[in-house]
Amino acid sequence: MKVPRSAPFVPRAILPPVVYVPPHRRLHAERILRISRAVADLRRAETFYRDGLGFRATPRRHSDRATLAALGIGGGDPNEIVMRLGAQEISLVRFTGQGQPYPVDSESNDLWFQHLAIVVSDMDAAYAHLSSRIGWRPVSENGPQLLPPVNGAVRAFKFRDPDGHPLELIWFPPGKGRRASHRKASRGLFLGIDHSALSIASTARSLPFYRGLGLRVSNRSLNCGPAQARLDGLPGARVRVTGLRPASAAGPRLELLAYQPPGRAIGMNLRNDLVTQWVTLAVSPLSGTSPCAVRDPDGHCLVLIDHGAGATGVPV
């Protein structure tokens, strides 16, 4: 059913308390602070992101209990490491009790798909560097792909980390992307996280949810053709892309990927399976408990924190 744009936003919480945003007062998305991913082996994941993709690690710590409570994850004290690339962060979390592994037959249009797009200064050099490492597997066919001008003339390559989470290397031509996308090569091959893209079943259904969080639409496109099919590893791939931005340009963006037709909608029910990941978003005003975990219409998880408490990170 198509949701009217004027409908009030009521996010679906994973566990109580449920955050209710009155129709006259929507949230204001300030910044995406980080993306968190469940991993089976913390040392293996840290090594891959550090040596393969240029991330640097911060000291290890136990996961924030308030965030875990919001997610409904208990039964032990997970270990976590936060890693930075440029001004952006990811969090790798090792749960003490794990469920199912990441589905090995996952495809780009499956509704649990969520990737991180890493900006590179030189696609050929970055791809060669990645190819010298072990533990990953490709999604794209025949290496990096050049998308047509109507889709930005970017070069991109999709692949999976050792736990199955999808990633993308992306290179922007001059005049495209953010200024950080065109730093000199002396700053490194891997420059930062441009966005996290999520597969959805329906743009019309998902947009009211993300607009209710205060994210604004920054770009739209329809991506199709041979290069897109090779990039996604999907014959005949056809995807409607909707870019979303918070107020701050310091963090990554979100992209909604509505493949036609959408893929499978299973695999997101058990919170500490390896498919588990979440976006931490600083918002204002957030009444009630902070942090608060919510799911979008397709099950993708976001942790909302009060901007005043978490402007520089998740409270600890």
C-alpha atoms as a PDB file:
ATOM      1  CA  MET A   1       0.000   0.000   0.000  1.00  0.00           C
ATOM      2  CA  LYS A   2       1.338   3.426  -0.901  1.00  0.00           C
ATOM      3  CA  VAL A   3       1.893   5.638   2.144  1.00  0.00           C
ATOM      4  CA  PRO A   4       0.894   9.303   1.604  1.00  0.00           C
ATOM      5  CA  ARG A   5       3.715  11.782   2.078  1.00  0.00           C
ATOM      6  CA  SER A   6       1.686  13.696   4.651  1.00  0.00           C
ATOM      7  CA  ALA A   7       1.226  10.675   6.928  1.00  0.00           C
ATOM      8  CA  PRO A   8       2.617  11.099  10.463  1.00  0.00           C
ATOM      9  CA  PHE A   9       5.877   9.289  11.163  1.00  0.00           C
ATOM     10  CA  VAL A  10       5.668   6.571  13.806  1.00  0.00           C
ATOM     11  CA  PRO A  11       8.879   4.464  13.763  1.00  0.00           C
ATOM     12  CA  ARG A  12       8.600   0.796  14.635  1.00  0.00           C
ATOM     13  CA  ALA A  13      10.782   0.148  17.656  1.00  0.00           C
ATOM     14  CA  ILE A  14      12.554  -3.194  18.057  1.00  0.00           C
ATOM     15  CA  LEU A  15      11.789  -3.187  21.772  1.00  0.00           C
ATOM     16  CA  PRO A  16       9.850  -0.708  23.941  1.00  0.00           C
ATOM     17  CA  PRO A  17       9.895   2.181  24.482  1.00  0.00           C
ATOM     18  CA  VAL A  18       8.392   3.197  21.159  1.00  0.00           C
ATOM     19  CA  VAL A  19       9.303   6.683  20.002  1.00  0.00           C
ATOM     20  CA  TYR A  20       6.309   8.583  18.700  1.00  0.00           C
ATOM     21  CA  VAL A  21       6.862  11.719  16.643  1.00  0.00           C
ATOM     22  CA  PRO A  22       3.708  13.876  16.432  1.00  0.00           C
ATOM     23  CA  PRO A  23       2.713  14.870  12.891  1.00  0.00           C
ATOM     24  CA  HIS A  24       3.467  18.550  13.592  1.00  0.00           C
ATOM     25  CA  ARG A  25       6.991  17.838  14.901  1.00  0.00           C
ATOM     26  CA  ARG A  26       9.249  15.626  12.860  1.00  0.00           C
ATOM     27  CA  LEU A  27      12.807  14.726  13.755  1.00  0.00           C
ATOM     28  CA  HIS A  28      15.773  16.604  12.358  1.00  0.00           C
ATOM     29  CA  ALA A  29      18.610  14.332  11.235  1.00  0.00           C
ATOM     30  CA  GLU A  30      21.877  16.007  12.188  1.00  0.00           C
ATOM     31  CA  ARG A  31      24.526  13.470  11.237  1.00  0.00           C
ATOM     32  CA  ILE A  32      25.143   9.799  10.566  1.00  0.00           C
ATOM     33  CA  LEU A  33      27.747   8.962  13.179  1.00  0.00           C
ATOM     34  CA  ARG A  34      28.712   5.457  12.141  1.00  0.00           C
ATOM     35  CA  ILE A  35      27.610   2.142  10.685  1.00  0.00           C
ATOM     36  CA  SER A  36      27.978  -0.980  12.853  1.00  0.00           C
ATOM     37  CA  ARG A  37      28.397  -4.551  11.624  1.00  0.00           C
ATOM     38  CA  ALA A  38      28.391  -7.911  13.380  1.00  0.00           C
ATOM     39  CA  VAL A  39      31.489 -10.024  12.726  1.00  0.00           C
ATOM     40  CA  ALA A  40      32.497 -13.569  13.639  1.00  0.00           C
ATOM     41  CA  ASP A  41      36.181 -12.837  14.317  1.00  0.00           C
ATOM     42  CA  LEU A  42      37.094  -9.360  15.503  1.00  0.00           C
ATOM     43  CA  ARG A  43      40.807  -9.683  14.766  1.00  0.00           C
ATOM     44  CA  ARG A  44      40.183 -10.996  11.246  1.00  0.00           C
ATOM     45  CA  ALA A  45      37.726  -8.190  10.475  1.00  0.00           C
ATOM     46  CA  GLU A  46      40.021  -5.521  11.906  1.00  0.00           C
ATOM     47  CA  THR A  47      42.942  -6.803   9.838  1.00  0.00           C
ATOM     48  CA  PHE A  48      40.898  -6.808   6.653  1.00  0.00           C
ATOM     49  CA  TYR A  49      39.533  -3.286   7.049  1.00  0.00           C
ATOM     50  CA  ARG A  50      42.953  -1.974   8.121  1.00  0.00           C
ATOM     51  CA  ASP A  51      45.244  -3.670   5.602  1.00  0.00           C
ATOM     52  CA  GLY A  52      42.797  -4.009   2.737  1.00  0.00           C
ATOM     53  CA  LEU A  53      40.901  -0.724   2.915  1.00  0.00           C
ATOM     54  CA  GLY A  54      43.029   1.733   4.877  1.00  0.00           C
ATOM     55  CA  PHE A  55      40.935   2.039   8.044  1.00  0.00           C
ATOM     56  CA  ARG A  56      42.695   2.821  11.323  1.00  0.00           C
ATOM     57  CA  ALA A  57      41.555   1.361  14.609  1.00  0.00           C
ATOM     58  CA  THR A  58      40.759   3.054  17.888  1.00  0.00           C
ATOM     59  CA  PRO A  59      41.244   1.193  21.206  1.00  0.00           C
ATOM     60  CA  ARG A  60      38.985  -1.786  21.760  1.00  0.00           C
ATOM     61  CA  ARG A  61      36.109  -1.462  24.172  1.00  0.00           C
ATOM     62  CA  HIS A  62      32.920  -3.118  25.301  1.00  0.00           C
ATOM     63  CA  SER A  63      29.818  -2.097  23.408  1.00  0.00           C
ATOM     64  CA  ASP A  64      27.668   0.633  24.868  1.00  0.00           C
ATOM     65  CA  ARG A  65      25.077  -1.047  27.097  1.00  0.00           C
ATOM     66  CA  ALA A  66      22.389   1.529  26.349  1.00  0.00           C
ATOM     67  CA  THR A  67      22.710   0.871  22.616  1.00  0.00           C
ATOM     68  CA  LEU A  68      22.595  -2.899  23.151  1.00  0.00           C
ATOM     69  CA  ALA A  69      19.506  -2.530  25.324  1.00  0.00           C
ATOM     70  CA  ALA A  70      17.837  -0.446  22.605  1.00  0.00           C
ATOM     71  CA  LEU A  71      18.682  -3.146  20.066  1.00  0.00           C
ATOM     72  CA  GLY A  72      17.304  -5.870  22.331  1.00  0.00           C
ATOM     73  CA  ILE A  73      20.653  -7.681  22.384  1.00  0.00           C
ATOM     74  CA  GLY A  74      21.645  -9.335  25.648  1.00  0.00           C
ATOM     75  CA  GLY A  75      23.371 -12.442  26.873  1.00  0.00           C
ATOM     76  CA  GLY A  76      26.945 -11.317  27.378  1.00  0.00           C
ATOM     77  CA  ASP A  77      29.085  -8.273  26.799  1.00  0.00           C
ATOM     78  CA  PRO A  78      30.047  -7.980  23.116  1.00  0.00           C
ATOM     79  CA  ASN A  79      33.441  -6.650  22.139  1.00  0.00           C
ATOM     80  CA  GLU A  80      33.623  -3.757  19.706  1.00  0.00           C
ATOM     81  CA  ILE A  81      36.248  -1.898  17.774  1.00  0.00           C
ATOM     82  CA  VAL A  82      35.620   1.443  16.096  1.00  0.00           C
ATOM     83  CA  MET A  83      37.632   2.093  12.933  1.00  0.00           C
ATOM     84  CA  ARG A  84      38.030   5.360  11.053  1.00  0.00           C
ATOM     85  CA  LEU A  85      38.605   6.216   7.429  1.00  0.00           C
ATOM     86  CA  GLY A  86      38.970   9.932   6.854  1.00  0.00           C
ATOM     87  CA  ALA A  87      36.257  11.572   8.965  1.00  0.00           C
ATOM     88  CA  GLN A  88      33.934   8.543   8.919  1.00  0.00           C
ATOM     89  CA  GLU A  89      33.620   5.601  11.301  1.00  0.00           C
ATOM     90  CA  ILE A  90      32.507   2.003  11.295  1.00  0.00           C
ATOM     91  CA  SER A  91      31.996  -0.231  14.295  1.00  0.00           C
ATOM     92  CA  LEU A  92      32.806  -3.952  14.229  1.00  0.00           C
ATOM     93  CA  VAL A  93      30.989  -5.927  16.925  1.00  0.00           C
ATOM     94  CA  ARG A  94      31.695  -9.496  18.062  1.00  0.00           C
ATOM     95  CA  PHE A  95      28.733 -10.985  19.929  1.00  0.00           C
ATOM     96  CA  THR A  96      29.320 -13.663  22.547  1.00  0.00           C
ATOM     97  CA  GLY A  97      26.432 -15.722  21.211  1.00  0.00           C
ATOM     98  CA  GLN A  98      25.891 -15.709  17.453  1.00  0.00           C
ATOM     99  CA  GLY A  99      23.082 -16.958  15.296  1.00  0.00           C
ATOM    100  CA  GLN A 100      23.153 -17.739  11.604  1.00  0.00           C
ATOM    101  CA  PRO A 101      26.025 -16.755   9.268  1.00  0.00           C
ATOM    102  CA  TYR A 102      25.524 -14.176   6.530  1.00  0.00           C
ATOM    103  CA  PRO A 103      23.532 -15.917   3.739  1.00  0.00           C
ATOM    104  CA  VAL A 104      26.145 -17.117   1.246  1.00  0.00           C
ATOM    105  CA  ASP A 105      23.744 -16.863  -1.699  1.00  0.00           C
ATOM    106  CA  SER A 106      22.884 -13.203  -1.013  1.00  0.00           C
ATOM    107  CA  GLU A 107      22.319 -10.952  -4.006  1.00  0.00           C
ATOM    108  CA  SER A 108      22.275  -7.176  -4.387  1.00  0.00           C
ATOM    109  CA  ASN A 109      18.482  -6.955  -4.583  1.00  0.00           C
ATOM    110  CA  ASP A 110      17.830  -8.993  -1.410  1.00  0.00           C
ATOM    111  CA  LEU A 111      16.175  -6.736   1.134  1.00  0.00           C
ATOM    112  CA  TRP A 112      18.798  -7.329   3.820  1.00  0.00           C
ATOM    113  CA  PHE A 113      21.492  -5.934   1.480  1.00  0.00           C
ATOM    114  CA  GLN A 114      23.313  -2.898   2.897  1.00  0.00           C
ATOM    115  CA  HIS A 115      26.713  -1.851   1.654  1.00  0.00           C
ATOM    116  CA  LEU A 116      29.353   0.748   2.497  1.00  0.00           C
ATOM    117  CA  ALA A 117      30.696   2.774  -0.438  1.00  0.00           C
ATOM    118  CA  ILE A 118      34.355   3.715   0.047  1.00  0.00           C
ATOM    119  CA  VAL A 119      35.693   6.594  -2.027  1.00  0.00           C
ATOM    120  CA  VAL A 120      39.035   5.951  -3.724  1.00  0.00           C
ATOM    121  CA  SER A 121      41.430   8.370  -5.369  1.00  0.00           C
ATOM    122  CA  ASP A 122      42.594   5.869  -8.025  1.00  0.00           C
ATOM    123  CA  MET A 123      40.306   2.968  -8.878  1.00  0.00           C
ATOM    124  CA  ASP A 124      42.902   0.830 -10.649  1.00  0.00           C
ATOM    125  CA  ALA A 125      45.414   1.176  -7.809  1.00  0.00           C
ATOM    126  CA  ALA A 126      42.760   0.572  -5.142  1.00  0.00           C
ATOM    127  CA  TYR A 127      41.457  -2.509  -6.931  1.00  0.00           C
ATOM    128  CA  ALA A 128      45.002  -3.851  -7.307  1.00  0.00           C
ATOM    129  CA  HIS A 129      45.633  -3.264  -3.599  1.00  0.00           C
ATOM    130  CA  LEU A 130      42.436  -5.071  -2.631  1.00  0.00           C
ATOM    131  CA  SER A 131      43.252  -7.910  -5.008  1.00  0.00           C
ATOM    132  CA  SER A 132      46.536  -8.486  -3.175  1.00  0.00           C
ATOM    133  CA  ARG A 133      44.613  -9.307   0.014  1.00  0.00           C
ATOM    134  CA  ILE A 134      42.738 -12.459   0.990  1.00  0.00           C
ATOM    135  CA  GLY A 135      39.406 -13.106   2.670  1.00  0.00           C
ATOM    136  CA  TRP A 136      37.063 -11.169   0.380  1.00  0.00           C
ATOM    137  CA  ARG A 137      34.982 -12.244  -2.600  1.00  0.00           C
ATOM    138  CA  PRO A 138      33.632 -10.248  -5.535  1.00  0.00           C
ATOM    139  CA  VAL A 139      30.054  -9.257  -6.238  1.00  0.00           C
ATOM    140  CA  SER A 140      30.807  -7.393  -9.462  1.00  0.00           C
ATOM    141  CA  GLU A 141      31.769  -9.245 -12.627  1.00  0.00           C
ATOM    142  CA  ASN A 142      34.951  -8.463 -14.578  1.00  0.00           C
ATOM    143  CA  GLY A 143      36.403  -5.969 -12.116  1.00  0.00           C
ATOM    144  CA  PRO A 144      35.524  -2.257 -11.725  1.00  0.00           C
ATOM    145  CA  GLN A 145      32.715  -0.951 -13.923  1.00  0.00           C
ATOM    146  CA  LEU A 146      32.277   2.457 -15.566  1.00  0.00           C
ATOM    147  CA  LEU A 147      28.675   3.641 -15.319  1.00  0.00           C
ATOM    148  CA  PRO A 148      27.246   5.821 -18.113  1.00  0.00           C
ATOM    149  CA  PRO A 149      27.155   9.657 -17.780  1.00  0.00           C
ATOM    150  CA  VAL A 150      23.429   9.588 -16.935  1.00  0.00           C
ATOM    151  CA  ASN A 151      24.403   7.655 -13.790  1.00  0.00           C
ATOM    152  CA  GLY A 152      27.306   9.923 -12.889  1.00  0.00           C
ATOM    153  CA  ALA A 153      30.141   8.392 -14.950  1.00  0.00           C
ATOM    154  CA  VAL A 154      31.527   6.886 -11.753  1.00  0.00           C
ATOM    155  CA  ARG A 155      33.709   3.798 -11.592  1.00  0.00           C
ATOM    156  CA  ALA A 156      32.644   1.246  -9.008  1.00  0.00           C
ATOM    157  CA  PHE A 157      33.322  -2.270  -7.789  1.00  0.00           C
ATOM    158  CA  LYS A 158      31.255  -4.290  -5.313  1.00  0.00           C
ATOM    159  CA  PHE A 159      32.568  -7.092  -3.104  1.00  0.00           C
ATOM    160  CA  ARG A 160      32.070  -8.759   0.293  1.00  0.00           C
ATOM    161  CA  ASP A 161      34.189  -8.685   3.433  1.00  0.00           C
ATOM    162  CA  PRO A 162      35.225 -11.921   5.237  1.00  0.00           C
ATOM    163  CA  ASP A 163      31.862 -12.063   7.037  1.00  0.00           C
ATOM    164  CA  GLY A 164      29.765 -11.529   3.891  1.00  0.00           C
ATOM    165  CA  HIS A 165      28.903  -7.837   4.397  1.00  0.00           C
ATOM    166  CA  PRO A 166      28.851  -6.008   1.051  1.00  0.00           C
ATOM    167  CA  LEU A 167      31.213  -3.137   0.254  1.00  0.00           C
ATOM    168  CA  GLU A 168      31.824  -0.912  -2.745  1.00  0.00           C
ATOM    169  CA  LEU A 169      34.827   0.960  -4.048  1.00  0.00           C
ATOM    170  CA  ILE A 170      33.730   4.129  -5.840  1.00  0.00           C
ATOM    171  CA  TRP A 171      35.653   6.740  -7.858  1.00  0.00           C
ATOM    172  CA  PHE A 172      34.078  10.043  -8.850  1.00  0.00           C
ATOM    173  CA  PRO A 173      35.087  12.007 -11.959  1.00  0.00           C
ATOM    174  CA  PRO A 174      36.080  15.682 -11.501  1.00  0.00           C
ATOM    175  CA  GLY A 175      33.147  17.817 -10.399  1.00  0.00           C
ATOM    176  CA  LYS A 176      31.182  14.870  -8.995  1.00  0.00           C
ATOM    177  CA  GLY A 177      30.803  13.717  -5.406  1.00  0.00           C
ATOM    178  CA  ARG A 178      31.890  15.638  -2.341  1.00  0.00           C
ATOM    179  CA  ARG A 179      35.132  17.599  -2.141  1.00  0.00           C
ATOM    180  CA  ALA A 180      36.668  14.789  -0.087  1.00  0.00           C
ATOM    181  CA  SER A 181      36.218  12.578  -3.154  1.00  0.00           C
ATOM    182  CA  HIS A 182      38.965  14.495  -4.975  1.00  0.00           C
ATOM    183  CA  ARG A 183      41.744  14.690  -2.436  1.00  0.00           C
ATOM    184  CA  LYS A 184      45.212  14.277  -3.842  1.00  0.00           C
ATOM    185  CA  ALA A 185      46.514  10.744  -4.098  1.00  0.00           C
ATOM    186  CA  SER A 186      49.159  11.651  -1.509  1.00  0.00           C
ATOM    187  CA  ARG A 187      46.360  11.488   1.065  1.00  0.00           C
ATOM    188  CA  GLY A 188      45.963   7.790   0.289  1.00  0.00           C
ATOM    189  CA  LEU A 189      44.016   5.459  -1.964  1.00  0.00           C
ATOM    190  CA  PHE A 190      41.045   5.115   0.380  1.00  0.00           C
ATOM    191  CA  LEU A 191      39.556   8.487   1.305  1.00  0.00           C
ATOM    192  CA  GLY A 192      36.389   7.894   3.319  1.00  0.00           C
ATOM    193  CA  ILE A 193      32.865   6.478   3.346  1.00  0.00           C
ATOM    194  CA  ASP A 194      30.584   8.246   0.873  1.00  0.00           C
ATOM    195  CA  HIS A 195      27.357   6.445   1.692  1.00  0.00           C
ATOM    196  CA  SER A 196      25.635   3.314   2.879  1.00  0.00           C
ATOM    197  CA  ALA A 197      23.097   1.879   0.431  1.00  0.00           C
ATOM    198  CA  LEU A 198      20.117  -0.233   1.479  1.00  0.00           C
ATOM    199  CA  SER A 199      17.915  -2.387  -0.718  1.00  0.00           C
ATOM    200  CA  ILE A 200      14.217  -1.633  -0.307  1.00  0.00           C
ATOM    201  CA  ALA A 201      11.005  -3.006  -1.757  1.00  0.00           C
ATOM    202  CA  SER A 202       9.351   0.333  -2.524  1.00  0.00           C
ATOM    203  CA  THR A 203      10.632   3.911  -2.694  1.00  0.00           C
ATOM    204  CA  ALA A 204       7.107   5.254  -2.103  1.00  0.00           C
ATOM    205  CA  ARG A 205       6.814   3.188   1.061  1.00  0.00           C
ATOM    206  CA  SER A 206      10.275   3.952   2.464  1.00  0.00           C
ATOM    207  CA  LEU A 207      10.557   7.687   1.791  1.00  0.00           C
ATOM    208  CA  PRO A 208       7.975   8.786   4.410  1.00  0.00           C
ATOM    209  CA  PHE A 209       9.945   6.864   7.045  1.00  0.00           C
ATOM    210  CA  TYR A 210      13.279   8.493   6.187  1.00  0.00           C
ATOM    211  CA  ARG A 211      11.748  11.920   5.699  1.00  0.00           C
ATOM    212  CA  GLY A 212      10.243  11.511   9.163  1.00  0.00           C
ATOM    213  CA  LEU A 213      13.768  11.091  10.505  1.00  0.00           C
ATOM    214  CA  GLY A 214      14.671  14.423   8.914  1.00  0.00           C
ATOM    215  CA  LEU A 215      16.717  13.142   5.982  1.00  0.00           C
ATOM    216  CA  ARG A 216      16.261  15.033   2.722  1.00  0.00           C
ATOM    217  CA  VAL A 217      16.395  13.732  -0.841  1.00  0.00           C
ATOM    218  CA  SER A 218      19.623  14.835  -2.537  1.00  0.00           C
ATOM    219  CA  ASN A 219      19.519  12.929  -5.825  1.00  0.00           C
ATOM    220  CA  ARG A 220      17.544  10.377  -7.803  1.00  0.00           C
ATOM    221  CA  SER A 221      18.453   8.164 -10.724  1.00  0.00           C
ATOM    222  CA  LEU A 222      17.412   5.029 -12.570  1.00  0.00           C
ATOM    223  CA  ASN A 223      20.428   2.767 -13.056  1.00  0.00           C
ATOM    224  CA  CYS A 224      20.257   0.008 -15.643  1.00  0.00           C
ATOM    225  CA  GLY A 225      22.166  -1.421 -18.562  1.00  0.00           C
ATOM    226  CA  PRO A 226      25.112  -3.817 -19.012  1.00  0.00           C
ATOM    227  CA  ALA A 227      27.518  -1.950 -16.697  1.00  0.00           C
ATOM    228  CA  GLN A 228      24.981  -1.898 -13.869  1.00  0.00           C
ATOM    229  CA  ALA A 229      24.262  -5.603 -14.357  1.00  0.00           C
ATOM    230  CA  ARG A 230      27.987  -6.407 -14.111  1.00  0.00           C
ATOM    231  CA  LEU A 231      28.406  -4.116 -11.102  1.00  0.00           C
ATOM    232  CA  ASP A 232      25.585  -5.819  -9.183  1.00  0.00           C
ATOM    233  CA  GLY A 233      26.237  -9.307 -10.491  1.00  0.00           C
ATOM    234  CA  LEU A 234      22.562  -9.386 -11.498  1.00  0.00           C
ATOM    235  CA  PRO A 235      21.482 -10.053 -15.092  1.00  0.00           C
ATOM    236  CA  GLY A 236      19.176  -7.289 -16.263  1.00  0.00           C
ATOM    237  CA  ALA A 237      19.683  -5.234 -13.077  1.00  0.00           C
ATOM    238  CA  ARG A 238      17.392  -2.214 -12.925  1.00  0.00           C
ATOM    239  CA  VAL A 239      17.458  -0.091  -9.759  1.00  0.00           C
ATOM    240  CA  ARG A 240      15.908   3.209  -8.745  1.00  0.00           C
ATOM    241  CA  VAL A 241      18.415   5.058  -6.550  1.00  0.00           C
ATOM    242  CA  THR A 242      17.334   7.735  -4.059  1.00  0.00           C
ATOM    243  CA  GLY A 243      20.098   9.596  -2.221  1.00  0.00           C
ATOM    244  CA  LEU A 244      19.372  10.955   1.267  1.00  0.00           C
ATOM    245  CA  ARG A 245      21.335  13.523   3.284  1.00  0.00           C
ATOM    246  CA  PRO A 246      21.284  14.639   6.924  1.00  0.00           C
ATOM    247  CA  ALA A 247      22.017  18.251   7.852  1.00  0.00           C
ATOM    248  CA  SER A 248      25.772  17.758   8.290  1.00  0.00           C
ATOM    249  CA  ALA A 249      28.023  16.897   5.363  1.00  0.00           C
ATOM    250  CA  ALA A 250      30.673  15.485   7.711  1.00  0.00           C
ATOM    251  CA  GLY A 251      29.291  11.960   7.832  1.00  0.00           C
ATOM    252  CA  PRO A 252      28.177   9.537   5.149  1.00  0.00           C
ATOM    253  CA  ARG A 253      24.875   9.664   3.246  1.00  0.00           C
ATOM    254  CA  LEU A 254      22.241   6.983   2.796  1.00  0.00           C
ATOM    255  CA  GLU A 255      20.981   5.605  -0.505  1.00  0.00           C
ATOM    256  CA  LEU A 256      17.779   3.660  -1.054  1.00  0.00           C
ATOM    257  CA  LEU A 257      18.047   0.995  -3.760  1.00  0.00           C
ATOM    258  CA  ALA A 258      14.701  -0.110  -5.167  1.00  0.00           C
ATOM    259  CA  TYR A 259      15.491  -2.983  -7.513  1.00  0.00           C
ATOM    260  CA  GLN A 260      12.885  -3.993 -10.038  1.00  0.00           C
ATOM    261  CA  PRO A 261      11.876  -6.599  -9.042  1.00  0.00           C
ATOM    262  CA  PRO A 262      13.017  -6.619  -5.401  1.00  0.00           C
ATOM    263  CA  GLY A 263      14.711  -9.691  -3.982  1.00  0.00           C
ATOM    264  CA  ARG A 264      14.030 -11.812  -0.923  1.00  0.00           C
ATOM    265  CA  ALA A 265      12.770 -10.360   2.347  1.00  0.00           C
ATOM    266  CA  ILE A 266      14.106 -12.866   4.892  1.00  0.00           C
ATOM    267  CA  GLY A 267      17.212 -12.872   7.042  1.00  0.00           C
ATOM    268  CA  MET A 268      16.735  -9.816   9.281  1.00  0.00           C
ATOM    269  CA  ASN A 269      14.841 -11.201  12.268  1.00  0.00           C
ATOM    270  CA  LEU A 270      17.591 -12.516  14.557  1.00  0.00           C
ATOM    271  CA  ARG A 271      19.355  -9.503  15.979  1.00  0.00           C
ATOM    272  CA  ASN A 272      22.824 -10.949  16.471  1.00  0.00           C
ATOM    273  CA  ASP A 273      23.158 -13.003  13.290  1.00  0.00           C
ATOM    274  CA  LEU A 274      26.100 -11.958  11.155  1.00  0.00           C
ATOM    275  CA  VAL A 275      23.693 -10.125   8.834  1.00  0.00           C
ATOM    276  CA  THR A 276      23.096  -7.730  11.740  1.00  0.00           C
ATOM    277  CA  GLN A 277      24.096  -4.129  11.188  1.00  0.00           C
ATOM    278  CA  TRP A 278      22.756  -0.723  12.114  1.00  0.00           C
ATOM    279  CA  VAL A 279      23.176   2.964  11.346  1.00  0.00           C
ATOM    280  CA  THR A 280      23.664   5.352  14.275  1.00  0.00           C
ATOM    281  CA  LEU A 281      21.949   8.649  13.550  1.00  0.00           C
ATOM    282  CA  ALA A 282      22.099  11.788  15.719  1.00  0.00           C
ATOM    283  CA  VAL A 283      18.722  13.518  15.649  1.00  0.00           C
ATOM    284  CA  SER A 284      16.852  16.333  17.380  1.00  0.00           C
ATOM    285  CA  PRO A 285      14.548  16.681  19.143  1.00  0.00           C
ATOM    286  CA  LEU A 286      14.360  13.121  20.492  1.00  0.00           C
ATOM    287  CA  SER A 287      11.840  12.779  23.275  1.00  0.00           C
ATOM    288  CA  GLY A 288      11.885   9.694  25.447  1.00  0.00           C
ATOM    289  CA  THR A 289      14.687   7.167  25.800  1.00  0.00           C
ATOM    290  CA  SER A 290      17.983   7.782  23.996  1.00  0.00           C
ATOM    291  CA  PRO A 291      19.307   5.765  22.299  1.00  0.00           C
ATOM    292  CA  CYS A 292      16.262   4.224  20.621  1.00  0.00           C
ATOM    293  CA  ALA A 293      16.345   1.512  17.948  1.00  0.00           C
ATOM    294  CA  VAL A 294      13.870   1.542  15.063  1.00  0.00           C
ATOM    295  CA  ARG A 295      13.422  -0.400  11.851  1.00  0.00           C
ATOM    296  CA  ASP A 296      12.497   0.922   8.434  1.00  0.00           C
ATOM    297  CA  PRO A 297       9.661  -0.714   6.437  1.00  0.00           C
ATOM    298  CA  ASP A 298      12.057  -3.398   5.127  1.00  0.00           C
ATOM    299  CA  GLY A 299      13.699  -4.184   8.466  1.00  0.00           C
ATOM    300  CA  HIS A 300      16.917  -2.153   8.217  1.00  0.00           C
ATOM    301  CA  CYS A 301      17.921  -1.002  11.684  1.00  0.00           C
ATOM    302  CA  LEU A 302      18.767   2.508  12.857  1.00  0.00           C
ATOM    303  CA  VAL A 303      19.798   3.641  16.327  1.00  0.00           C
ATOM    304  CA  LEU A 304      18.629   7.169  17.094  1.00  0.00           C
ATOM    305  CA  ILE A 305      20.491   9.199  19.687  1.00  0.00           C
ATOM    306  CA  ASP A 306      19.926  12.689  20.963  1.00  0.00           C
ATOM    307  CA  HIS A 307      22.114  15.120  19.046  1.00  0.00           C
ATOM    308  CA  GLY A 308      23.083  16.974  22.215  1.00  0.00           C
ATOM    309  CA  ALA A 309      24.343  13.768  23.851  1.00  0.00           C
ATOM    310  CA  GLY A 310      25.951  12.234  20.799  1.00  0.00           C
ATOM    311  CA  ALA A 311      27.215  14.964  18.507  1.00  0.00           C
ATOM    312  CA  THR A 312      30.677  13.410  18.568  1.00  0.00           C
ATOM    313  CA  GLY A 313      29.743   9.791  19.032  1.00  0.00           C
ATOM    314  CA  VAL A 314      27.556   7.283  20.845  1.00  0.00           C
ATOM    315  CA  PRO A 315      27.402   7.985  24.595  1.00  0.00           C
ATOM    316  CA  VAL A 316      29.512   5.572  26.656  1.00  0.00           C
END
